[in-house]
């Protein structure tokens, strides 16, 4: 997961008009850490985001 993705997820997480954030990544360990730290949805399947 790129650092830029984490940075943007944290910014969006604090925006009052954003009610859902889903982050795509390949590293399950990093995704789970991000999920716990920022309370965002995570997926390793890009279709979850594209079809979401």
Protein backbone atom coordinates (compact mmCIF):
# COMPACT_ATOMS: atom_id res chain seq x y z
CA UNK A 1 0.00 0.00 0.00
CA UNK A 2 1.38 3.34 -0.96
CA UNK A 3 1.89 5.97 1.69
CA UNK A 4 -0.14 8.39 -0.42
CA UNK A 5 -3.15 6.09 -0.04
CA UNK A 6 -2.85 6.12 3.74
CA UNK A 7 -2.43 9.89 3.74
CA UNK A 8 -5.53 10.47 1.64
CA UNK A 9 -7.58 7.95 3.63
CA UNK A 10 -6.74 9.80 6.84
CA UNK A 11 -7.70 13.16 5.29
CA UNK A 12 -10.98 11.85 3.94
CA UNK A 13 -11.74 10.15 7.24
CA UNK A 14 -11.91 13.59 8.87
CA UNK A 15 -14.05 15.22 6.18
CA UNK A 16 -17.62 15.87 7.34
CA UNK A 17 -19.24 15.00 3.99
CA UNK A 18 -17.47 11.65 3.52
CA UNK A 19 -19.46 8.78 4.98
CA UNK A 20 -17.68 5.75 3.50
CA UNK A 21 -14.04 4.99 2.69
CA UNK A 22 -12.85 1.77 1.10
CA UNK A 23 -9.15 1.15 0.54
CA UNK A 24 -7.82 -1.38 -1.95
CA UNK A 25 -4.46 -3.05 -1.37
CA UNK A 26 -2.55 -6.27 -1.81
CA UNK A 27 -0.97 -6.61 1.62
CA UNK A 28 -3.55 -8.04 4.01
CA UNK A 29 -1.51 -7.17 7.12
CA UNK A 30 -1.23 -3.51 6.14
CA UNK A 31 -4.90 -3.37 5.19
CA UNK A 32 -5.98 -4.76 8.56
CA UNK A 33 -3.76 -2.25 10.37
CA UNK A 34 -5.29 0.59 8.35
CA UNK A 35 -8.78 -0.74 9.04
CA UNK A 36 -8.12 -0.73 12.79
CA UNK A 37 -6.36 2.66 12.88
CA UNK A 38 -8.74 4.64 10.65
CA UNK A 39 -11.95 2.61 10.87
CA UNK A 40 -12.22 2.28 7.08
CA UNK A 41 -13.35 -0.57 4.88
CA UNK A 42 -10.59 -2.54 3.15
CA UNK A 43 -10.49 -4.96 0.26
CA UNK A 44 -8.08 -6.96 -1.83
CA UNK A 45 -10.62 -7.21 -4.64
CA UNK A 46 -10.70 -4.15 -6.91
CA UNK A 47 -14.19 -5.10 -8.10
CA UNK A 48 -15.50 -4.25 -4.62
CA UNK A 49 -14.59 -0.63 -5.32
CA UNK A 50 -15.43 -0.50 -9.00
CA UNK A 51 -18.83 -2.15 -8.59
CA UNK A 52 -19.44 -0.89 -5.07
